[in-house]
Amino acid sequence: MRLKVFWEDQALADLAELTGRDRRRAKFLYDTIRRMGKLGWAYMGRPVDDDLMYFTVKPFGVFYDLNRHPRTIAVVRIVDARRLSQRPERRLLDELRRQPPRGDAAPGPPPD
């Protein structure tokens, strides 16, 4: 079952920042998330909260929500996993929960 990939505004900003730092890894991360949706692999990550899942695309981590939209992976945030010494801080989770669902349904891939 295919799933739509929906990018929240903050995730798009995170992806743009990542593209500026490391274009190759940004493209790999983007392609991995697209493949998750295409293959319907929504539960590849581990749950970090009631609604949020966390998936590592080394060296980065992707927070996504499966409950914001039906049959959709809502990418909420991309973080540098090397900076997370343990499970994500409660403050980050609270911040992610407060964000209203917005964003672009399908951003273009990072430029090569």
PDB file of N, CA and C in Angstrom:
ATOM      1  N   MET A   1       0.843  -1.178   0.000  1.00  0.00           N
ATOM      2  CA  MET A   1       0.000   0.000   0.000  1.00  0.00           C
ATOM      3  C   MET A   1       0.886   1.237   0.000  1.00  0.00           C
ATOM      4  N   ARG A   2       0.752   2.037  -1.010  1.00  0.00           N
ATOM      5  CA  ARG A   2       1.517   3.275  -1.112  1.00  0.00           C
ATOM      6  C   ARG A   2       1.027   4.287  -0.089  1.00  0.00           C
ATOM      7  N   LEU A   3       1.956   5.083   0.404  1.00  0.00           N
ATOM      8  CA  LEU A   3       1.627   6.158   1.319  1.00  0.00           C
ATOM      9  C   LEU A   3       2.126   7.472   0.724  1.00  0.00           C
ATOM     10  N   LYS A   4       1.354   8.510   0.905  1.00  0.00           N
ATOM     11  CA  LYS A   4       1.759   9.835   0.458  1.00  0.00           C
ATOM     12  C   LYS A   4       2.768  10.379   1.467  1.00  0.00           C
ATOM     13  N   VAL A   5       3.767  11.088   0.992  1.00  0.00           N
ATOM     14  CA  VAL A   5       4.731  11.738   1.873  1.00  0.00           C
ATOM     15  C   VAL A   5       4.415  13.221   1.906  1.00  0.00           C
ATOM     16  N   PHE A   6       4.194  13.734   3.108  1.00  0.00           N
ATOM     17  CA  PHE A   6       3.824  15.137   3.324  1.00  0.00           C
ATOM     18  C   PHE A   6       4.924  15.774   4.160  1.00  0.00           C
ATOM     19  N   TRP A   7       5.493  16.868   3.693  1.00  0.00           N
ATOM     20  CA  TRP A   7       6.592  17.541   4.390  1.00  0.00           C
ATOM     21  C   TRP A   7       6.069  18.782   5.105  1.00  0.00           C
ATOM     22  N   GLU A   8       6.177  18.801   6.424  1.00  0.00           N
ATOM     23  CA  GLU A   8       5.817  19.986   7.200  1.00  0.00           C
ATOM     24  C   GLU A   8       6.824  21.100   6.894  1.00  0.00           C
ATOM     25  N   ASP A   9       6.425  22.342   7.177  1.00  0.00           N
ATOM     26  CA  ASP A   9       7.291  23.489   6.891  1.00  0.00           C
ATOM     27  C   ASP A   9       8.660  23.364   7.560  1.00  0.00           C
ATOM     28  N   GLN A  10       8.686  22.956   8.827  1.00  0.00           N
ATOM     29  CA  GLN A  10       9.964  22.840   9.534  1.00  0.00           C
ATOM     30  C   GLN A  10      10.842  21.756   8.910  1.00  0.00           C
ATOM     31  N   ALA A  11      10.248  20.669   8.469  1.00  0.00           N
ATOM     32  CA  ALA A  11      11.025  19.604   7.825  1.00  0.00           C
ATOM     33  C   ALA A  11      11.613  20.102   6.504  1.00  0.00           C
ATOM     34  N   LEU A  12      10.863  20.920   5.771  1.00  0.00           N
ATOM     35  CA  LEU A  12      11.386  21.491   4.526  1.00  0.00           C
ATOM     36  C   LEU A  12      12.561  22.418   4.815  1.00  0.00           C
ATOM     37  N   ALA A  13      12.447  23.221   5.874  1.00  0.00           N
ATOM     38  CA  ALA A  13      13.548  24.106   6.259  1.00  0.00           C
ATOM     39  C   ALA A  13      14.764  23.289   6.681  1.00  0.00           C
ATOM     40  N   ASP A  14      14.536  22.220   7.432  1.00  0.00           N
ATOM     41  CA  ASP A  14      15.635  21.340   7.844  1.00  0.00           C
ATOM     42  C   ASP A  14      16.304  20.703   6.632  1.00  0.00           C
ATOM     43  N   LEU A  15      15.507  20.265   5.659  1.00  0.00           N
ATOM     44  CA  LEU A  15      16.049  19.651   4.450  1.00  0.00           C
ATOM     45  C   LEU A  15      16.856  20.667   3.645  1.00  0.00           C
ATOM     46  N   ALA A  16      16.370  21.898   3.562  1.00  0.00           N
ATOM     47  CA  ALA A  16      17.107  22.944   2.845  1.00  0.00           C
ATOM     48  C   ALA A  16      18.447  23.225   3.522  1.00  0.00           C
ATOM     49  N   GLU A  17      18.454  23.267   4.845  1.00  0.00           N
ATOM     50  CA  GLU A  17      19.707  23.486   5.578  1.00  0.00           C
ATOM     51  C   GLU A  17      20.666  22.325   5.346  1.00  0.00           C
ATOM     52  N   LEU A  18      20.150  21.114   5.399  1.00  0.00           N
ATOM     53  CA  LEU A  18      20.968  19.927   5.170  1.00  0.00           C
ATOM     54  C   LEU A  18      21.540  19.923   3.758  1.00  0.00           C
ATOM     55  N   THR A  19      20.745  20.349   2.789  1.00  0.00           N
ATOM     56  CA  THR A  19      21.203  20.412   1.401  1.00  0.00           C
ATOM     57  C   THR A  19      22.373  21.373   1.270  1.00  0.00           C
ATOM     58  N   GLY A  20      22.297  22.493   2.010  1.00  0.00           N
ATOM     59  CA  GLY A  20      23.393  23.455   1.976  1.00  0.00           C
ATOM     60  C   GLY A  20      24.670  22.907   2.588  1.00  0.00           C
ATOM     61  N   ARG A  21      24.554  22.020   3.559  1.00  0.00           N
ATOM     62  CA  ARG A  21      25.729  21.464   4.231  1.00  0.00           C
ATOM     63  C   ARG A  21      26.275  20.230   3.519  1.00  0.00           C
ATOM     64  N   ASP A  22      25.400  19.368   3.043  1.00  0.00           N
ATOM     65  CA  ASP A  22      25.842  18.091   2.460  1.00  0.00           C
ATOM     66  C   ASP A  22      24.785  17.611   1.467  1.00  0.00           C
ATOM     67  N   ARG A  23      24.928  18.033   0.238  1.00  0.00           N
ATOM     68  CA  ARG A  23      23.930  17.759  -0.797  1.00  0.00           C
ATOM     69  C   ARG A  23      23.735  16.262  -1.038  1.00  0.00           C
ATOM     70  N   ARG A  24      24.824  15.498  -1.005  1.00  0.00           N
ATOM     71  CA  ARG A  24      24.735  14.058  -1.264  1.00  0.00           C
ATOM     72  C   ARG A  24      23.893  13.358  -0.202  1.00  0.00           C
ATOM     73  N   ARG A  25      24.147  13.670   1.068  1.00  0.00           N
ATOM     74  CA  ARG A  25      23.371  13.037   2.141  1.00  0.00           C
ATOM     75  C   ARG A  25      21.926  13.517   2.146  1.00  0.00           C
ATOM     76  N   ALA A  26      21.713  14.782   1.787  1.00  0.00           N
ATOM     77  CA  ALA A  26      20.348  15.303   1.720  1.00  0.00           C
ATOM     78  C   ALA A  26      19.552  14.557   0.657  1.00  0.00           C
ATOM     79  N   LYS A  27      20.162  14.316  -0.487  1.00  0.00           N
ATOM     80  CA  LYS A  27      19.471  13.583  -1.546  1.00  0.00           C
ATOM     81  C   LYS A  27      19.190  12.144  -1.115  1.00  0.00           C
ATOM     82  N   PHE A  28      20.153  11.510  -0.422  1.00  0.00           N
ATOM     83  CA  PHE A  28      19.951  10.151   0.060  1.00  0.00           C
ATOM     84  C   PHE A  28      18.791  10.108   1.058  1.00  0.00           C
ATOM     85  N   LEU A  29      18.744  11.076   1.969  1.00  0.00           N
ATOM     86  CA  LEU A  29      17.654  11.134   2.949  1.00  0.00           C
ATOM     87  C   LEU A  29      16.308  11.321   2.241  1.00  0.00           C
ATOM     88  N   TYR A  30      16.258  12.262   1.318  1.00  0.00           N
ATOM     89  CA  TYR A  30      15.024  12.522   0.564  1.00  0.00           C
ATOM     90  C   TYR A  30      14.564  11.260  -0.187  1.00  0.00           C
ATOM     91  N   ASP A  31      15.496  10.596  -0.860  1.00  0.00           N
ATOM     92  CA  ASP A  31      15.158   9.378  -1.613  1.00  0.00           C
ATOM     93  C   ASP A  31      14.692   8.262  -0.682  1.00  0.00           C
ATOM     94  N   THR A  32      15.293   8.153   0.494  1.00  0.00           N
ATOM     95  CA  THR A  32      14.899   7.122   1.457  1.00  0.00           C
ATOM     96  C   THR A  32      13.469   7.343   1.933  1.00  0.00           C
ATOM     97  N   ILE A  33      13.119   8.585   2.244  1.00  0.00           N
ATOM     98  CA  ILE A  33      11.749   8.889   2.696  1.00  0.00           C
ATOM     99  C   ILE A  33      10.755   8.631   1.573  1.00  0.00           C
ATOM    100  N   ARG A  34      11.088   9.026   0.352  1.00  0.00           N
ATOM    101  CA  ARG A  34      10.204   8.745  -0.790  1.00  0.00           C
ATOM    102  C   ARG A  34       9.992   7.250  -0.968  1.00  0.00           C
ATOM    103  N   ARG A  35      11.071   6.475  -0.817  1.00  0.00           N
ATOM    104  CA  ARG A  35      10.985   5.022  -0.958  1.00  0.00           C
ATOM    105  C   ARG A  35      10.106   4.430   0.145  1.00  0.00           C
ATOM    106  N   MET A  36      10.215   4.974   1.362  1.00  0.00           N
ATOM    107  CA  MET A  36       9.342   4.510   2.444  1.00  0.00           C
ATOM    108  C   MET A  36       7.877   4.652   2.042  1.00  0.00           C
ATOM    109  N   GLY A  37       7.519   5.814   1.500  1.00  0.00           N
ATOM    110  CA  GLY A  37       6.144   6.041   1.076  1.00  0.00           C
ATOM    111  C   GLY A  37       5.737   5.151  -0.077  1.00  0.00           C
ATOM    112  N   LYS A  38       6.618   5.023  -1.044  1.00  0.00           N
ATOM    113  CA  LYS A  38       6.313   4.223  -2.229  1.00  0.00           C
ATOM    114  C   LYS A  38       6.062   2.759  -1.871  1.00  0.00           C
ATOM    115  N   LEU A  39       6.857   2.244  -0.934  1.00  0.00           N
ATOM    116  CA  LEU A  39       6.735   0.843  -0.548  1.00  0.00           C
ATOM    117  C   LEU A  39       5.764   0.626   0.610  1.00  0.00           C
ATOM    118  N   GLY A  40       5.271   1.715   1.201  1.00  0.00           N
ATOM    119  CA  GLY A  40       4.338   1.598   2.311  1.00  0.00           C
ATOM    120  C   GLY A  40       4.986   1.181   3.615  1.00  0.00           C
ATOM    121  N   TRP A  41       6.269   1.465   3.776  1.00  0.00           N
ATOM    122  CA  TRP A  41       6.993   1.090   4.988  1.00  0.00           C
ATOM    123  C   TRP A  41       6.895   2.184   6.023  1.00  0.00           C
ATOM    124  N   ALA A  42       5.750   2.395   6.577  1.00  0.00           N
ATOM    125  CA  ALA A  42       5.550   3.490   7.517  1.00  0.00           C
ATOM    126  C   ALA A  42       6.133   3.200   8.891  1.00  0.00           C
ATOM    127  N   TYR A  43       6.288   1.942   9.234  1.00  0.00           N
ATOM    128  CA  TYR A  43       6.708   1.606  10.594  1.00  0.00           C
ATOM    129  C   TYR A  43       8.179   1.215  10.674  1.00  0.00           C
ATOM    130  N   MET A  44       9.010   1.813   9.846  1.00  0.00           N
ATOM    131  CA  MET A  44      10.433   1.521   9.874  1.00  0.00           C
ATOM    132  C   MET A  44      11.106   2.104  11.102  1.00  0.00           C
ATOM    133  N   GLY A  45      10.558   3.169  11.649  1.00  0.00           N
ATOM    134  CA  GLY A  45      11.174   3.839  12.783  1.00  0.00           C
ATOM    135  C   GLY A  45      10.723   3.257  14.104  1.00  0.00           C
ATOM    136  N   ARG A  46      11.179   3.885  15.156  1.00  0.00           N
ATOM    137  CA  ARG A  46      10.752   3.473  16.492  1.00  0.00           C
ATOM    138  C   ARG A  46       9.861   4.564  17.069  1.00  0.00           C
ATOM    139  N   PRO A  47       8.859   4.207  17.829  1.00  0.00           N
ATOM    140  CA  PRO A  47       7.979   5.215  18.410  1.00  0.00           C
ATOM    141  C   PRO A  47       8.704   6.001  19.496  1.00  0.00           C
ATOM    142  N   VAL A  48       8.517   7.321  19.491  1.00  0.00           N
ATOM    143  CA  VAL A  48       9.094   8.168  20.533  1.00  0.00           C
ATOM    144  C   VAL A  48       8.005   8.871  21.336  1.00  0.00           C
ATOM    145  N   ASP A  49       6.787   8.796  20.833  1.00  0.00           N
ATOM    146  CA  ASP A  49       5.657   9.422  21.487  1.00  0.00           C
ATOM    147  C   ASP A  49       4.405   8.763  20.915  1.00  0.00           C
ATOM    148  N   ASP A  50       3.252   9.170  21.401  1.00  0.00           N
ATOM    149  CA  ASP A  50       2.011   8.564  20.921  1.00  0.00           C
ATOM    150  C   ASP A  50       1.857   8.658  19.408  1.00  0.00           C
ATOM    151  N   ASP A  51       2.213   9.790  18.845  1.00  0.00           N
ATOM    152  CA  ASP A  51       2.009  10.006  17.417  1.00  0.00           C
ATOM    153  C   ASP A  51       3.297  10.022  16.599  1.00  0.00           C
ATOM    154  N   LEU A  52       4.439  10.242  17.239  1.00  0.00           N
ATOM    155  CA  LEU A  52       5.682  10.427  16.500  1.00  0.00           C
ATOM    156  C   LEU A  52       6.515   9.166  16.420  1.00  0.00           C
ATOM    157  N   MET A  53       7.120   8.997  15.250  1.00  0.00           N
ATOM    158  CA  MET A  53       8.072   7.916  15.022  1.00  0.00           C
ATOM    159  C   MET A  53       9.409   8.579  14.699  1.00  0.00           C
ATOM    160  N   TYR A  54      10.503   7.856  14.968  1.00  0.00           N
ATOM    161  CA  TYR A  54      11.845   8.358  14.694  1.00  0.00           C
ATOM    162  C   TYR A  54      12.578   7.315  13.872  1.00  0.00           C
ATOM    163  N   PHE A  55      13.166   7.761  12.777  1.00  0.00           N
ATOM    164  CA  PHE A  55      13.876   6.869  11.872  1.00  0.00           C
ATOM    165  C   PHE A  55      15.230   7.480  11.560  1.00  0.00           C
ATOM    166  N   THR A  56      16.287   6.698  11.635  1.00  0.00           N
ATOM    167  CA  THR A  56      17.626   7.204  11.373  1.00  0.00           C
ATOM    168  C   THR A  56      18.021   6.953   9.924  1.00  0.00           C
ATOM    169  N   VAL A  57      18.476   8.008   9.280  1.00  0.00           N
ATOM    170  CA  VAL A  57      19.134   7.933   7.980  1.00  0.00           C
ATOM    171  C   VAL A  57      20.493   8.565   8.252  1.00  0.00           C
ATOM    172  N   LYS A  58      21.438   7.730   8.666  1.00  0.00           N
ATOM    173  CA  LYS A  58      22.698   8.214   9.226  1.00  0.00           C
ATOM    174  C   LYS A  58      23.355   9.246   8.344  1.00  0.00           C
ATOM    175  N   PRO A  59      23.815  10.318   8.966  1.00  0.00           N
ATOM    176  CA  PRO A  59      23.871  10.615  10.387  1.00  0.00           C
ATOM    177  C   PRO A  59      22.686  11.448  10.875  1.00  0.00           C
ATOM    178  N   PHE A  60      21.603  11.435  10.148  1.00  0.00           N
ATOM    179  CA  PHE A  60      20.465  12.281  10.490  1.00  0.00           C
ATOM    180  C   PHE A  60      19.291  11.454  10.993  1.00  0.00           C
ATOM    181  N   GLY A  61      18.400  12.107  11.696  1.00  0.00           N
ATOM    182  CA  GLY A  61      17.205  11.462  12.203  1.00  0.00           C
ATOM    183  C   GLY A  61      15.974  12.171  11.667  1.00  0.00           C
ATOM    184  N   VAL A  62      14.961  11.399  11.366  1.00  0.00           N
ATOM    185  CA  VAL A  62      13.721  11.937  10.804  1.00  0.00           C
ATOM    186  C   VAL A  62      12.591  11.642  11.780  1.00  0.00           C
ATOM    187  N   PHE A  63      11.874  12.685  12.183  1.00  0.00           N
ATOM    188  CA  PHE A  63      10.661  12.526  12.978  1.00  0.00           C
ATOM    189  C   PHE A  63       9.486  12.578  12.020  1.00  0.00           C
ATOM    190  N   TYR A  64       8.592  11.616  12.131  1.00  0.00           N
ATOM    191  CA  TYR A  64       7.415  11.636  11.271  1.00  0.00           C
ATOM    192  C   TYR A  64       6.194  11.180  12.054  1.00  0.00           C
ATOM    193  N   ASP A  65       5.048  11.594  11.557  1.00  0.00           N
ATOM    194  CA  ASP A  65       3.774  11.354  12.224  1.00  0.00           C
ATOM    195  C   ASP A  65       2.876  10.601  11.256  1.00  0.00           C
ATOM    196  N   LEU A  66       2.312   9.506  11.721  1.00  0.00           N
ATOM    197  CA  LEU A  66       1.431   8.708  10.871  1.00  0.00           C
ATOM    198  C   LEU A  66      -0.038   9.031  11.085  1.00  0.00           C
ATOM    199  N   ASN A  67      -0.343   9.892  12.046  1.00  0.00           N
ATOM    200  CA  ASN A  67      -1.736  10.151  12.398  1.00  0.00           C
ATOM    201  C   ASN A  67      -2.253  11.515  11.971  1.00  0.00           C
ATOM    202  N   ARG A  68      -1.435  12.357  11.366  1.00  0.00           N
ATOM    203  CA  ARG A  68      -1.901  13.702  10.977  1.00  0.00           C
ATOM    204  C   ARG A  68      -2.829  13.660   9.775  1.00  0.00           C
ATOM    205  N   HIS A  69      -2.525  12.780   8.857  1.00  0.00           N
ATOM    206  CA  HIS A  69      -3.300  12.669   7.629  1.00  0.00           C
ATOM    207  C   HIS A  69      -3.444  11.179   7.307  1.00  0.00           C
ATOM    208  N   PRO A  70      -4.594  10.749   6.821  1.00  0.00           N
ATOM    209  CA  PRO A  70      -4.765   9.323   6.506  1.00  0.00           C
ATOM    210  C   PRO A  70      -3.844   8.882   5.363  1.00  0.00           C
ATOM    211  N   ARG A  71      -3.292   7.668   5.515  1.00  0.00           N
ATOM    212  CA  ARG A  71      -2.422   7.053   4.506  1.00  0.00           C
ATOM    213  C   ARG A  71      -1.276   7.976   4.092  1.00  0.00           C
ATOM    214  N   THR A  72      -0.718   8.674   5.079  1.00  0.00           N
ATOM    215  CA  THR A  72       0.321   9.649   4.815  1.00  0.00           C
ATOM    216  C   THR A  72       1.427   9.562   5.856  1.00  0.00           C
ATOM    217  N   ILE A  73       2.650   9.690   5.392  1.00  0.00           N
ATOM    218  CA  ILE A  73       3.790   9.889   6.281  1.00  0.00           C
ATOM    219  C   ILE A  73       4.016  11.394   6.329  1.00  0.00           C
ATOM    220  N   ALA A  74       3.786  12.019   7.469  1.00  0.00           N
ATOM    221  CA  ALA A  74       4.005  13.457   7.625  1.00  0.00           C
ATOM    222  C   ALA A  74       5.390  13.658   8.241  1.00  0.00           C
ATOM    223  N   VAL A  75       6.343  14.076   7.414  1.00  0.00           N
ATOM    224  CA  VAL A  75       7.694  14.338   7.902  1.00  0.00           C
ATOM    225  C   VAL A  75       7.643  15.654   8.665  1.00  0.00           C
ATOM    226  N   VAL A  76       7.970  15.586   9.956  1.00  0.00           N
ATOM    227  CA  VAL A  76       7.804  16.731  10.841  1.00  0.00           C
ATOM    228  C   VAL A  76       9.114  17.473  11.053  1.00  0.00           C
ATOM    229  N   ARG A  77      10.195  16.738  11.201  1.00  0.00           N
ATOM    230  CA  ARG A  77      11.470  17.374  11.543  1.00  0.00           C
ATOM    231  C   ARG A  77      12.617  16.473  11.131  1.00  0.00           C
ATOM    232  N   ILE A  78      13.726  17.076  10.729  1.00  0.00           N
ATOM    233  CA  ILE A  78      14.962  16.362  10.444  1.00  0.00           C
ATOM    234  C   ILE A  78      16.020  16.945  11.373  1.00  0.00           C
ATOM    235  N   VAL A  79      16.697  16.079  12.106  1.00  0.00           N
ATOM    236  CA  VAL A  79      17.709  16.540  13.066  1.00  0.00           C
ATOM    237  C   VAL A  79      19.030  15.839  12.806  1.00  0.00           C
ATOM    238  N   ASP A  80      20.100  16.423  13.326  1.00  0.00           N
ATOM    239  CA  ASP A  80      21.412  15.793  13.270  1.00  0.00           C
ATOM    240  C   ASP A  80      21.469  14.797  14.419  1.00  0.00           C
ATOM    241  N   ALA A  81      21.391  13.518  14.117  1.00  0.00           N
ATOM    242  CA  ALA A  81      21.317  12.483  15.147  1.00  0.00           C
ATOM    243  C   ALA A  81      22.577  12.441  15.993  1.00  0.00           C
ATOM    244  N   ARG A  82      23.680  12.937  15.485  1.00  0.00           N
ATOM    245  CA  ARG A  82      24.921  12.949  16.260  1.00  0.00           C
ATOM    246  C   ARG A  82      24.812  13.886  17.454  1.00  0.00           C
ATOM    247  N   ARG A  83      23.880  14.833  17.386  1.00  0.00           N
ATOM    248  CA  ARG A  83      23.705  15.785  18.494  1.00  0.00           C
ATOM    249  C   ARG A  83      22.704  15.297  19.535  1.00  0.00           C
ATOM    250  N   LEU A  84      22.008  14.210  19.248  1.00  0.00           N
ATOM    251  CA  LEU A  84      21.078  13.645  20.218  1.00  0.00           C
ATOM    252  C   LEU A  84      21.823  12.567  21.002  1.00  0.00           C
ATOM    253  N   SER A  85      22.219  12.898  22.219  1.00  0.00           N
ATOM    254  CA  SER A  85      23.005  11.939  22.992  1.00  0.00           C
ATOM    255  C   SER A  85      22.153  10.772  23.479  1.00  0.00           C
ATOM    256  N   GLN A  86      20.861  11.023  23.692  1.00  0.00           N
ATOM    257  CA  GLN A  86      19.939   9.979  24.109  1.00  0.00           C
ATOM    258  C   GLN A  86      18.650  10.170  23.325  1.00  0.00           C
ATOM    259  N   ARG A  87      17.566   9.614  23.857  1.00  0.00           N
ATOM    260  CA  ARG A  87      16.271   9.816  23.203  1.00  0.00           C
ATOM    261  C   ARG A  87      15.989  11.307  23.081  1.00  0.00           C
ATOM    262  N   PRO A  88      15.220  11.711  22.096  1.00  0.00           N
ATOM    263  CA  PRO A  88      14.929  13.131  21.912  1.00  0.00           C
ATOM    264  C   PRO A  88      14.360  13.757  23.181  1.00  0.00           C
ATOM    265  N   GLU A  89      14.780  14.974  23.422  1.00  0.00           N
ATOM    266  CA  GLU A  89      14.335  15.675  24.622  1.00  0.00           C
ATOM    267  C   GLU A  89      12.835  15.936  24.575  1.00  0.00           C
ATOM    268  N   ARG A  90      12.228  15.942  25.735  1.00  0.00           N
ATOM    269  CA  ARG A  90      10.793  16.209  25.855  1.00  0.00           C
ATOM    270  C   ARG A  90      10.448  17.568  25.244  1.00  0.00           C
ATOM    271  N   ARG A  91      11.341  18.548  25.403  1.00  0.00           N
ATOM    272  CA  ARG A  91      11.085  19.886  24.860  1.00  0.00           C
ATOM    273  C   ARG A  91      10.933  19.824  23.341  1.00  0.00           C
ATOM    274  N   LEU A  92      11.777  19.050  22.672  1.00  0.00           N
ATOM    275  CA  LEU A  92      11.675  18.919  21.222  1.00  0.00           C
ATOM    276  C   LEU A  92      10.353  18.262  20.837  1.00  0.00           C
ATOM    277  N   LEU A  93       9.964  17.231  21.566  1.00  0.00           N
ATOM    278  CA  LEU A  93       8.694  16.573  21.279  1.00  0.00           C
ATOM    279  C   LEU A  93       7.522  17.525  21.481  1.00  0.00           C
ATOM    280  N   ASP A  94       7.567  18.318  22.555  1.00  0.00           N
ATOM    281  CA  ASP A  94       6.504  19.303  22.787  1.00  0.00           C
ATOM    282  C   ASP A  94       6.451  20.314  21.652  1.00  0.00           C
ATOM    283  N   GLU A  95       7.613  20.757  21.194  1.00  0.00           N
ATOM    284  CA  GLU A  95       7.670  21.711  20.089  1.00  0.00           C
ATOM    285  C   GLU A  95       7.077  21.110  18.821  1.00  0.00           C
ATOM    286  N   LEU A  96       7.391  19.863  18.548  1.00  0.00           N
ATOM    287  CA  LEU A  96       6.864  19.202  17.352  1.00  0.00           C
ATOM    288  C   LEU A  96       5.356  19.052  17.423  1.00  0.00           C
ATOM    289  N   ARG A  97       4.835  18.748  18.607  1.00  0.00           N
ATOM    290  CA  ARG A  97       3.390  18.577  18.767  1.00  0.00           C
ATOM    291  C   ARG A  97       2.628  19.882  18.566  1.00  0.00           C
ATOM    292  N   ARG A  98       3.250  21.008  18.914  1.00  0.00           N
ATOM    293  CA  ARG A  98       2.566  22.306  18.805  1.00  0.00           C
ATOM    294  C   ARG A  98       2.470  22.807  17.370  1.00  0.00           C
ATOM    295  N   GLN A  99       3.292  22.289  16.473  1.00  0.00           N
ATOM    296  CA  GLN A  99       3.289  22.782  15.105  1.00  0.00           C
ATOM    297  C   GLN A  99       1.996  22.391  14.403  1.00  0.00           C
ATOM    298  N   PRO A 100       1.314  23.364  13.803  1.00  0.00           N
ATOM    299  CA  PRO A 100       0.102  23.019  13.044  1.00  0.00           C
ATOM    300  C   PRO A 100       0.478  22.274  11.771  1.00  0.00           C
ATOM    301  N   PRO A 101      -0.366  21.350  11.322  1.00  0.00           N
ATOM    302  CA  PRO A 101      -0.056  20.622  10.085  1.00  0.00           C
ATOM    303  C   PRO A 101      -0.149  21.547   8.885  1.00  0.00           C
ATOM    304  N   ARG A 102       0.981  21.810   8.277  1.00  0.00           N
ATOM    305  CA  ARG A 102       1.088  22.628   7.071  1.00  0.00           C
ATOM    306  C   ARG A 102       2.223  22.070   6.253  1.00  0.00           C
ATOM    307  N   GLY A 103       2.441  22.619   5.099  1.00  0.00           N
ATOM    308  CA  GLY A 103       3.627  22.241   4.333  1.00  0.00           C
ATOM    309  C   GLY A 103       3.298  21.888   2.908  1.00  0.00           C
ATOM    310  N   ASP A 104       4.303  21.434   2.246  1.00  0.00           N
ATOM    311  CA  ASP A 104       4.214  21.084   0.847  1.00  0.00           C
ATOM    312  C   ASP A 104       4.083  19.568   0.741  1.00  0.00           C
ATOM    313  N   ALA A 105       3.127  19.117  -0.020  1.00  0.00           N
ATOM    314  CA  ALA A 105       2.880  17.678  -0.125  1.00  0.00           C
ATOM    315  C   ALA A 105       4.019  16.939  -0.799  1.00  0.00           C
ATOM    316  N   ALA A 106       4.706  17.565  -1.725  1.00  0.00           N
ATOM    317  CA  ALA A 106       5.762  16.849  -2.435  1.00  0.00           C
ATOM    318  C   ALA A 106       6.839  17.822  -2.900  1.00  0.00           C
ATOM    319  N   PRO A 107       7.853  18.077  -2.070  1.00  0.00           N
ATOM    320  CA  PRO A 107       8.901  18.969  -2.520  1.00  0.00           C
ATOM    321  C   PRO A 107       9.724  18.305  -3.602  1.00  0.00           C
ATOM    322  N   GLY A 108      10.350  19.106  -4.413  1.00  0.00           N
ATOM    323  CA  GLY A 108      11.240  18.540  -5.408  1.00  0.00           C
ATOM    324  C   GLY A 108      12.491  18.021  -4.729  1.00  0.00           C
ATOM    325  N   PRO A 109      13.205  17.143  -5.389  1.00  0.00           N
ATOM    326  CA  PRO A 109      14.429  16.612  -4.790  1.00  0.00           C
ATOM    327  C   PRO A 109      15.464  17.711  -4.671  1.00  0.00           C
ATOM    328  N   PRO A 110      16.391  17.587  -3.723  1.00  0.00           N
ATOM    329  CA  PRO A 110      17.457  18.582  -3.642  1.00  0.00           C
ATOM    330  C   PRO A 110      18.236  18.614  -4.942  1.00  0.00           C
ATOM    331  N   PRO A 111      18.719  19.789  -5.336  1.00  0.00           N
ATOM    332  CA  PRO A 111      19.458  19.872  -6.594  1.00  0.00           C
ATOM    333  C   PRO A 111      20.723  19.037  -6.532  1.00  0.00           C
ATOM    334  N   ASP A 112      21.085  18.451  -7.643  1.00  0.00           N
ATOM    335  CA  ASP A 112      22.306  17.605  -7.693  1.00  0.00           C
ATOM    336  C   ASP A 112      23.548  18.444  -7.672  1.00  0.00           C
TER     337      ASP A 112
END
